Amino acid sequence: MFKLFTSLLIIISFAFSLNTKNQTNEPHFTKIIQGNHSNILKNSNIVINNDNELSNLLNKINAVNTNPYNKPNIDFNKQQVIGLFMGSQNIEGYKIKILNVTYNKTETIVSYFYMDPSATTKTKNEMIVSQPFILATIKKTNNPIKFIMAKC
């Protein structure tokens, strides 16, 4: 319990430390899909800039899901989609959590962390291979998008 409390304090401190000058007051991000089977076997982060890229990604994700995800309606003139993929894990229960998205004049920073199974469930986890992922919309930007993983 102490370890969990300490980890949460570190995460909150990290999120506040990312505040920079020139930050906008617009919504930071909106989660659109989160799941355990992405069909993406390696740890990666991506930016999706158009409907065709989103369709291709969802086709790959839905190829390994018995309940396919519906394609959300995204206005790519105003938004982009970010995808964070944890890669292949040997047990179920991992999750990806986006902490914050910060926009400034030179870059957009996405801060996130991985929640391990001990933090996401109180029961014994099955030895089931999973590929945790999250997709979220962010405000469209021409600046580079930098992904920073918080250390817990």
N, C-alpha and C. Protein backbone atom coordinates (compact mmCIF):
# COMPACT_ATOMS: atom_id res chain seq x y z
N MET A 1 0.83 -1.18 0.00
CA MET A 1 0.00 0.00 0.00
C MET A 1 0.88 1.26 0.00
N PHE A 2 1.93 1.24 0.82
CA PHE A 2 2.84 2.36 0.88
C PHE A 2 3.49 2.60 -0.49
N LYS A 3 3.87 1.49 -1.15
CA LYS A 3 4.51 1.59 -2.46
C LYS A 3 3.54 2.22 -3.48
N LEU A 4 2.28 1.81 -3.45
CA LEU A 4 1.28 2.37 -4.35
C LEU A 4 1.08 3.86 -4.08
N PHE A 5 0.98 4.25 -2.81
CA PHE A 5 0.81 5.65 -2.44
C PHE A 5 2.02 6.47 -2.90
N THR A 6 3.22 5.96 -2.67
CA THR A 6 4.44 6.65 -3.08
C THR A 6 4.48 6.81 -4.60
N SER A 7 4.11 5.74 -5.31
CA SER A 7 4.10 5.81 -6.78
C SER A 7 3.13 6.87 -7.28
N LEU A 8 1.95 6.95 -6.66
CA LEU A 8 0.98 7.96 -7.07
C LEU A 8 1.50 9.37 -6.82
N LEU A 9 2.17 9.58 -5.70
CA LEU A 9 2.75 10.90 -5.42
C LEU A 9 3.81 11.26 -6.45
N ILE A 10 4.63 10.30 -6.84
CA ILE A 10 5.66 10.55 -7.85
C ILE A 10 5.01 10.92 -9.18
N ILE A 11 3.97 10.19 -9.55
CA ILE A 11 3.29 10.45 -10.82
C ILE A 11 2.66 11.83 -10.82
N ILE A 12 1.99 12.19 -9.75
CA ILE A 12 1.37 13.52 -9.66
C ILE A 12 2.43 14.61 -9.71
N SER A 13 3.53 14.42 -9.01
CA SER A 13 4.62 15.40 -9.03
C SER A 13 5.17 15.55 -10.43
N PHE A 14 5.35 14.42 -11.14
CA PHE A 14 5.88 14.45 -12.50
C PHE A 14 4.93 15.22 -13.42
N ALA A 15 3.63 14.96 -13.30
CA ALA A 15 2.65 15.63 -14.15
C ALA A 15 2.70 17.14 -13.93
N PHE A 16 2.79 17.58 -12.68
CA PHE A 16 2.86 19.02 -12.41
C PHE A 16 4.17 19.62 -12.90
N SER A 17 5.25 18.85 -12.90
CA SER A 17 6.54 19.38 -13.35
C SER A 17 6.57 19.59 -14.85
N LEU A 18 5.65 18.96 -15.59
CA LEU A 18 5.63 19.13 -17.04
C LEU A 18 4.96 20.42 -17.48
N ASN A 19 4.31 21.12 -16.56
CA ASN A 19 3.68 22.39 -16.92
C ASN A 19 4.75 23.34 -17.43
N THR A 20 4.47 23.95 -18.58
CA THR A 20 5.43 24.87 -19.17
C THR A 20 4.74 26.18 -19.50
N LYS A 21 5.54 27.22 -19.75
CA LYS A 21 4.99 28.48 -20.21
C LYS A 21 4.40 28.24 -21.60
N ASN A 22 3.48 29.05 -21.99
CA ASN A 22 2.83 28.98 -23.30
C ASN A 22 1.87 27.80 -23.42
N GLN A 23 1.51 27.19 -22.35
CA GLN A 23 0.56 26.08 -22.38
C GLN A 23 -0.83 26.62 -22.65
N THR A 24 -1.61 25.90 -23.49
CA THR A 24 -2.96 26.35 -23.78
C THR A 24 -3.92 25.82 -22.72
N ASN A 25 -5.13 26.38 -22.68
CA ASN A 25 -6.14 25.94 -21.73
C ASN A 25 -7.16 25.01 -22.38
N GLU A 26 -6.89 24.53 -23.58
CA GLU A 26 -7.81 23.64 -24.27
C GLU A 26 -7.73 22.25 -23.67
N PRO A 27 -8.75 21.43 -23.90
CA PRO A 27 -8.70 20.05 -23.38
C PRO A 27 -7.43 19.35 -23.86
N HIS A 28 -6.85 18.57 -22.98
CA HIS A 28 -5.56 17.95 -23.29
C HIS A 28 -5.69 16.74 -24.20
N PHE A 29 -6.62 15.83 -23.89
CA PHE A 29 -6.81 14.64 -24.71
C PHE A 29 -8.16 14.02 -24.36
N THR A 30 -8.63 13.16 -25.27
CA THR A 30 -9.85 12.39 -25.02
C THR A 30 -9.58 10.95 -25.39
N LYS A 31 -9.72 10.05 -24.42
CA LYS A 31 -9.53 8.63 -24.68
C LYS A 31 -10.66 8.15 -25.57
N ILE A 32 -10.31 7.44 -26.66
CA ILE A 32 -11.36 6.94 -27.55
C ILE A 32 -11.46 5.41 -27.51
N ILE A 33 -10.35 4.72 -27.35
CA ILE A 33 -10.35 3.25 -27.26
C ILE A 33 -9.21 2.82 -26.36
N GLN A 34 -9.47 1.86 -25.49
CA GLN A 34 -8.41 1.24 -24.68
C GLN A 34 -8.71 -0.25 -24.62
N GLY A 35 -7.65 -1.07 -24.77
CA GLY A 35 -7.88 -2.50 -24.77
C GLY A 35 -6.64 -3.30 -24.43
N ASN A 36 -6.80 -4.62 -24.48
CA ASN A 36 -5.73 -5.54 -24.10
C ASN A 36 -5.13 -6.31 -25.27
N HIS A 37 -5.71 -6.19 -26.45
CA HIS A 37 -5.21 -6.97 -27.60
C HIS A 37 -5.15 -6.06 -28.82
N SER A 38 -3.96 -5.54 -29.09
CA SER A 38 -3.78 -4.58 -30.18
C SER A 38 -3.23 -5.21 -31.45
N ASN A 39 -2.65 -6.41 -31.34
CA ASN A 39 -1.97 -7.04 -32.47
C ASN A 39 -0.69 -6.27 -32.82
N ILE A 40 -0.24 -5.38 -31.94
CA ILE A 40 1.03 -4.66 -32.07
C ILE A 40 1.97 -5.31 -31.06
N LEU A 41 2.96 -6.04 -31.52
CA LEU A 41 3.78 -6.88 -30.64
C LEU A 41 4.95 -6.14 -30.00
N LYS A 42 5.33 -4.99 -30.53
CA LYS A 42 6.46 -4.23 -29.97
C LYS A 42 5.97 -2.92 -29.37
N ASN A 43 6.65 -2.50 -28.32
CA ASN A 43 6.36 -1.25 -27.64
C ASN A 43 6.53 -0.11 -28.65
N SER A 44 5.50 0.72 -28.82
CA SER A 44 5.60 1.83 -29.75
C SER A 44 4.53 2.88 -29.47
N ASN A 45 4.77 4.07 -29.98
CA ASN A 45 3.82 5.17 -29.90
C ASN A 45 3.68 5.75 -31.30
N ILE A 46 2.45 6.06 -31.70
CA ILE A 46 2.23 6.55 -33.05
C ILE A 46 1.32 7.77 -33.04
N VAL A 47 1.37 8.52 -34.15
CA VAL A 47 0.46 9.64 -34.38
C VAL A 47 -0.27 9.35 -35.68
N ILE A 48 -1.60 9.44 -35.64
CA ILE A 48 -2.44 9.17 -36.79
C ILE A 48 -3.02 10.50 -37.27
N ASN A 49 -2.80 10.79 -38.55
CA ASN A 49 -3.17 12.10 -39.08
C ASN A 49 -4.33 12.08 -40.06
N ASN A 50 -4.86 10.90 -40.40
CA ASN A 50 -5.97 10.87 -41.34
C ASN A 50 -6.83 9.62 -41.15
N ASP A 51 -7.99 9.64 -41.77
CA ASP A 51 -8.97 8.58 -41.61
C ASP A 51 -8.47 7.24 -42.15
N ASN A 52 -7.70 7.26 -43.22
CA ASN A 52 -7.17 6.04 -43.81
C ASN A 52 -6.20 5.34 -42.85
N GLU A 53 -5.32 6.11 -42.22
CA GLU A 53 -4.38 5.55 -41.23
C GLU A 53 -5.15 4.93 -40.06
N LEU A 54 -6.20 5.61 -39.60
CA LEU A 54 -7.00 5.10 -38.49
C LEU A 54 -7.71 3.80 -38.89
N SER A 55 -8.27 3.76 -40.09
CA SER A 55 -8.94 2.54 -40.56
C SER A 55 -7.97 1.37 -40.63
N ASN A 56 -6.77 1.61 -41.16
CA ASN A 56 -5.76 0.54 -41.25
C ASN A 56 -5.37 0.02 -39.87
N LEU A 57 -5.21 0.93 -38.92
CA LEU A 57 -4.85 0.52 -37.56
C LEU A 57 -5.99 -0.30 -36.93
N LEU A 58 -7.21 0.18 -37.05
CA LEU A 58 -8.34 -0.55 -36.46
C LEU A 58 -8.54 -1.92 -37.11
N ASN A 59 -8.26 -2.03 -38.40
CA ASN A 59 -8.33 -3.34 -39.06
C ASN A 59 -7.32 -4.30 -38.43
N LYS A 60 -6.13 -3.81 -38.13
CA LYS A 60 -5.11 -4.66 -37.50
C LYS A 60 -5.53 -5.04 -36.08
N ILE A 61 -6.03 -4.07 -35.32
CA ILE A 61 -6.47 -4.34 -33.95
C ILE A 61 -7.66 -5.30 -33.95
N ASN A 62 -8.63 -5.07 -34.82
CA ASN A 62 -9.83 -5.89 -34.84
C ASN A 62 -9.57 -7.32 -35.33
N ALA A 63 -8.45 -7.54 -36.00
CA ALA A 63 -8.12 -8.89 -36.48
C ALA A 63 -7.91 -9.87 -35.33
N VAL A 64 -7.63 -9.37 -34.12
CA VAL A 64 -7.39 -10.25 -32.97
C VAL A 64 -8.42 -10.07 -31.86
N ASN A 65 -9.51 -9.39 -32.15
CA ASN A 65 -10.55 -9.15 -31.14
C ASN A 65 -11.87 -9.74 -31.60
N THR A 66 -12.50 -10.51 -30.71
CA THR A 66 -13.80 -11.10 -31.05
C THR A 66 -14.92 -10.06 -31.06
N ASN A 67 -14.75 -9.00 -30.29
CA ASN A 67 -15.69 -7.87 -30.31
C ASN A 67 -14.98 -6.68 -30.93
N PRO A 68 -15.13 -6.49 -32.23
CA PRO A 68 -14.37 -5.43 -32.90
C PRO A 68 -14.74 -4.03 -32.41
N TYR A 69 -13.74 -3.15 -32.46
CA TYR A 69 -13.96 -1.75 -32.09
C TYR A 69 -14.53 -1.01 -33.30
N ASN A 70 -15.50 -0.14 -33.04
CA ASN A 70 -16.04 0.71 -34.09
C ASN A 70 -15.10 1.88 -34.32
N LYS A 71 -15.01 2.31 -35.56
CA LYS A 71 -14.16 3.46 -35.87
C LYS A 71 -14.84 4.73 -35.39
N PRO A 72 -14.17 5.48 -34.51
CA PRO A 72 -14.76 6.74 -34.04
C PRO A 72 -14.74 7.79 -35.15
N ASN A 73 -15.65 8.73 -35.06
CA ASN A 73 -15.71 9.82 -36.02
C ASN A 73 -14.76 10.93 -35.56
N ILE A 74 -13.67 11.11 -36.27
CA ILE A 74 -12.65 12.09 -35.91
C ILE A 74 -12.58 13.15 -36.99
N ASP A 75 -12.57 14.41 -36.60
CA ASP A 75 -12.36 15.51 -37.53
C ASP A 75 -10.85 15.77 -37.60
N PHE A 76 -10.21 15.19 -38.61
CA PHE A 76 -8.75 15.30 -38.72
C PHE A 76 -8.29 16.70 -39.13
N ASN A 77 -9.21 17.61 -39.42
CA ASN A 77 -8.84 19.01 -39.63
C ASN A 77 -8.57 19.70 -38.30
N LYS A 78 -9.15 19.15 -37.21
CA LYS A 78 -9.01 19.76 -35.89
C LYS A 78 -8.27 18.88 -34.88
N GLN A 79 -8.20 17.57 -35.18
CA GLN A 79 -7.63 16.63 -34.21
C GLN A 79 -6.66 15.66 -34.85
N GLN A 80 -5.85 15.06 -34.01
CA GLN A 80 -4.99 13.95 -34.37
C GLN A 80 -5.28 12.83 -33.37
N VAL A 81 -4.91 11.62 -33.72
CA VAL A 81 -5.05 10.49 -32.81
C VAL A 81 -3.66 10.03 -32.42
N ILE A 82 -3.46 9.82 -31.12
CA ILE A 82 -2.21 9.22 -30.65
C ILE A 82 -2.51 7.79 -30.22
N GLY A 83 -1.58 6.92 -30.48
CA GLY A 83 -1.70 5.52 -30.08
C GLY A 83 -0.48 5.12 -29.27
N LEU A 84 -0.71 4.58 -28.10
CA LEU A 84 0.37 4.09 -27.25
C LEU A 84 0.19 2.58 -27.09
N PHE A 85 1.23 1.84 -27.42
CA PHE A 85 1.17 0.39 -27.44
C PHE A 85 2.27 -0.17 -26.55
N MET A 86 1.91 -1.05 -25.65
CA MET A 86 2.84 -1.61 -24.68
C MET A 86 3.61 -2.81 -25.23
N GLY A 87 3.20 -3.32 -26.37
CA GLY A 87 3.83 -4.51 -26.91
C GLY A 87 3.31 -5.76 -26.21
N SER A 88 3.89 -6.88 -26.54
CA SER A 88 3.42 -8.16 -26.02
C SER A 88 3.84 -8.36 -24.56
N GLN A 89 2.86 -8.72 -23.72
CA GLN A 89 3.08 -8.99 -22.30
C GLN A 89 2.65 -10.43 -22.01
N ASN A 90 3.33 -11.09 -21.07
CA ASN A 90 3.07 -12.51 -20.80
C ASN A 90 1.87 -12.77 -19.89
N ILE A 91 1.37 -11.74 -19.21
CA ILE A 91 0.19 -11.92 -18.38
C ILE A 91 -0.78 -10.77 -18.62
N GLU A 92 -2.03 -11.01 -18.33
CA GLU A 92 -3.03 -9.96 -18.51
C GLU A 92 -3.01 -9.01 -17.31
N GLY A 93 -3.60 -7.84 -17.49
CA GLY A 93 -3.74 -6.90 -16.39
C GLY A 93 -2.95 -5.62 -16.54
N TYR A 94 -2.03 -5.55 -17.50
CA TYR A 94 -1.30 -4.30 -17.73
C TYR A 94 -2.23 -3.28 -18.36
N LYS A 95 -1.99 -1.99 -18.07
CA LYS A 95 -2.74 -0.90 -18.69
C LYS A 95 -1.79 0.26 -18.95
N ILE A 96 -2.16 1.09 -19.91
CA ILE A 96 -1.43 2.32 -20.20
C ILE A 96 -2.31 3.47 -19.75
N LYS A 97 -1.73 4.42 -19.05
CA LYS A 97 -2.46 5.59 -18.55
C LYS A 97 -1.78 6.85 -19.09
N ILE A 98 -2.54 7.67 -19.80
CA ILE A 98 -2.03 8.97 -20.23
C ILE A 98 -2.23 9.95 -19.08
N LEU A 99 -1.15 10.57 -18.66
CA LEU A 99 -1.23 11.53 -17.56
C LEU A 99 -1.66 12.91 -18.04
N ASN A 100 -1.02 13.36 -19.12
CA ASN A 100 -1.24 14.74 -19.53
C ASN A 100 -0.74 14.93 -20.95
N VAL A 101 -1.32 15.88 -21.64
CA VAL A 101 -0.81 16.34 -22.93
C VAL A 101 -0.61 17.84 -22.79
N THR A 102 0.61 18.27 -23.04
CA THR A 102 0.97 19.69 -22.89
C THR A 102 1.34 20.26 -24.25
N TYR A 103 0.68 21.35 -24.62
CA TYR A 103 0.97 22.03 -25.88
C TYR A 103 1.79 23.28 -25.58
N ASN A 104 2.88 23.46 -26.30
CA ASN A 104 3.60 24.72 -26.20
C ASN A 104 4.04 25.15 -27.60
N LYS A 105 4.81 26.21 -27.70
CA LYS A 105 5.15 26.77 -29.01
C LYS A 105 6.03 25.85 -29.86
N THR A 106 6.81 24.98 -29.24
CA THR A 106 7.78 24.20 -30.02
C THR A 106 7.48 22.71 -30.11
N GLU A 107 6.64 22.18 -29.20
CA GLU A 107 6.36 20.75 -29.23
C GLU A 107 5.10 20.45 -28.42
N THR A 108 4.59 19.25 -28.64
CA THR A 108 3.49 18.73 -27.83
C THR A 108 4.05 17.54 -27.06
N ILE A 109 3.83 17.53 -25.75
CA ILE A 109 4.38 16.48 -24.89
C ILE A 109 3.25 15.61 -24.35
N VAL A 110 3.36 14.31 -24.59
CA VAL A 110 2.41 13.34 -24.07
C VAL A 110 3.13 12.58 -22.95
N SER A 111 2.66 12.72 -21.72
CA SER A 111 3.26 11.98 -20.61
C SER A 111 2.33 10.84 -20.23
N TYR A 112 2.92 9.67 -19.97
CA TYR A 112 2.14 8.48 -19.71
C TYR A 112 2.92 7.54 -18.80
N PHE A 113 2.25 6.50 -18.32
CA PHE A 113 2.94 5.45 -17.57
C PHE A 113 2.21 4.13 -17.76
N TYR A 114 2.91 3.06 -17.40
CA TYR A 114 2.34 1.72 -17.47
C TYR A 114 1.91 1.30 -16.07
N MET A 115 0.69 0.77 -15.98
CA MET A 115 0.21 0.21 -14.72
C MET A 115 0.41 -1.30 -14.80
N ASP A 116 1.13 -1.86 -13.83
CA ASP A 116 1.35 -3.31 -13.87
C ASP A 116 0.16 -4.02 -13.24
N PRO A 117 0.07 -5.33 -13.46
CA PRO A 117 -1.12 -6.07 -13.00
C PRO A 117 -1.40 -5.95 -11.51
N SER A 118 -0.38 -5.82 -10.69
CA SER A 118 -0.61 -5.72 -9.25
C SER A 118 -1.36 -4.43 -8.90
N ALA A 119 -1.26 -3.41 -9.75
CA ALA A 119 -1.95 -2.15 -9.49
C ALA A 119 -3.34 -2.11 -10.12
N THR A 120 -3.63 -3.04 -11.04
CA THR A 120 -4.90 -2.97 -11.76
C THR A 120 -5.91 -4.03 -11.32
N THR A 121 -5.48 -5.02 -10.54
CA THR A 121 -6.42 -6.06 -10.13
C THR A 121 -6.02 -6.64 -8.78
N LYS A 122 -6.98 -7.16 -8.07
CA LYS A 122 -6.72 -7.78 -6.77
C LYS A 122 -6.71 -9.31 -6.87
N THR A 123 -6.99 -9.83 -8.07
CA THR A 123 -7.02 -11.27 -8.24
C THR A 123 -5.76 -11.73 -8.96
N LYS A 124 -5.53 -13.04 -8.94
CA LYS A 124 -4.39 -13.62 -9.64
C LYS A 124 -4.57 -13.45 -11.14
N ASN A 125 -3.54 -12.96 -11.82
CA ASN A 125 -3.61 -12.75 -13.25
C ASN A 125 -3.31 -14.03 -14.01
N GLU A 126 -4.03 -14.23 -15.09
CA GLU A 126 -3.85 -15.39 -15.93
C GLU A 126 -2.62 -15.21 -16.82
N MET A 127 -2.02 -16.33 -17.17
CA MET A 127 -0.88 -16.32 -18.09
C MET A 127 -1.42 -16.25 -19.52
N ILE A 128 -1.96 -15.10 -19.87
CA ILE A 128 -2.53 -14.87 -21.19
C ILE A 128 -1.74 -13.74 -21.83
N VAL A 129 -1.24 -13.98 -23.02
CA VAL A 129 -0.48 -12.96 -23.72
C VAL A 129 -1.43 -11.82 -24.10
N SER A 130 -1.00 -10.61 -23.83
CA SER A 130 -1.80 -9.43 -24.17
C SER A 130 -0.90 -8.37 -24.79
N GLN A 131 -1.53 -7.42 -25.45
CA GLN A 131 -0.82 -6.27 -26.04
C GLN A 131 -1.61 -5.01 -25.70
N PRO A 132 -1.46 -4.52 -24.46
CA PRO A 132 -2.25 -3.36 -24.01
C PRO A 132 -2.02 -2.12 -24.89
N PHE A 133 -3.09 -1.34 -25.05
CA PHE A 133 -2.98 -0.13 -25.87
C PHE A 133 -4.04 0.88 -25.46
N ILE A 134 -3.81 2.11 -25.91
CA ILE A 134 -4.78 3.18 -25.75
C ILE A 134 -4.69 4.09 -26.96
N LEU A 135 -5.84 4.54 -27.44
CA LEU A 135 -5.93 5.54 -28.50
C LEU A 135 -6.66 6.75 -27.93
N ALA A 136 -6.17 7.93 -28.25
CA ALA A 136 -6.78 9.16 -27.75
C ALA A 136 -6.67 10.25 -28.81
N THR A 137 -7.61 11.19 -28.77
CA THR A 137 -7.52 12.34 -29.66
C THR A 137 -6.83 13.48 -28.92
N ILE A 138 -6.08 14.25 -29.70
CA ILE A 138 -5.47 15.48 -29.20
C ILE A 138 -5.74 16.59 -30.22
N LYS A 139 -5.53 17.81 -29.81
CA LYS A 139 -5.68 18.95 -30.71
C LYS A 139 -4.64 18.83 -31.83
N LYS A 140 -5.05 19.10 -33.06
CA LYS A 140 -4.13 19.05 -34.19
C LYS A 140 -3.01 20.06 -34.01
N THR A 141 -1.81 19.61 -34.29
CA THR A 141 -0.64 20.48 -34.17
C THR A 141 0.34 20.15 -35.29
N ASN A 142 1.11 21.16 -35.68
CA ASN A 142 2.19 20.94 -36.64
C ASN A 142 3.52 20.71 -35.93
N ASN A 143 3.51 20.89 -34.61
CA ASN A 143 4.74 20.69 -33.82
C ASN A 143 5.02 19.20 -33.63
N PRO A 144 6.28 18.87 -33.39
CA PRO A 144 6.60 17.47 -33.08
C PRO A 144 5.88 17.03 -31.82
N ILE A 145 5.52 15.74 -31.77
CA ILE A 145 4.88 15.17 -30.59
C ILE A 145 5.88 14.27 -29.92
N LYS A 146 6.14 14.57 -28.64
CA LYS A 146 7.15 13.84 -27.87
C LYS A 146 6.43 13.03 -26.79
N PHE A 147 6.74 11.73 -26.72
CA PHE A 147 6.14 10.85 -25.73
C PHE A 147 7.15 10.64 -24.60
N ILE A 148 6.73 10.91 -23.37
CA ILE A 148 7.61 10.76 -22.21
C ILE A 148 6.95 9.82 -21.22
N MET A 149 7.65 8.70 -20.91
CA MET A 149 7.11 7.75 -19.94
C MET A 149 7.57 8.13 -18.55
N ALA A 150 6.61 8.27 -17.65
CA ALA A 150 6.90 8.56 -16.24
C ALA A 150 7.48 7.32 -15.59
N LYS A 151 8.48 7.49 -14.76
CA LYS A 151 9.06 6.37 -14.02
C LYS A 151 8.37 6.26 -12.68
N CYS A 152 7.91 5.07 -12.37
CA CYS A 152 7.21 4.84 -11.09
C CYS A 152 7.99 3.88 -10.24
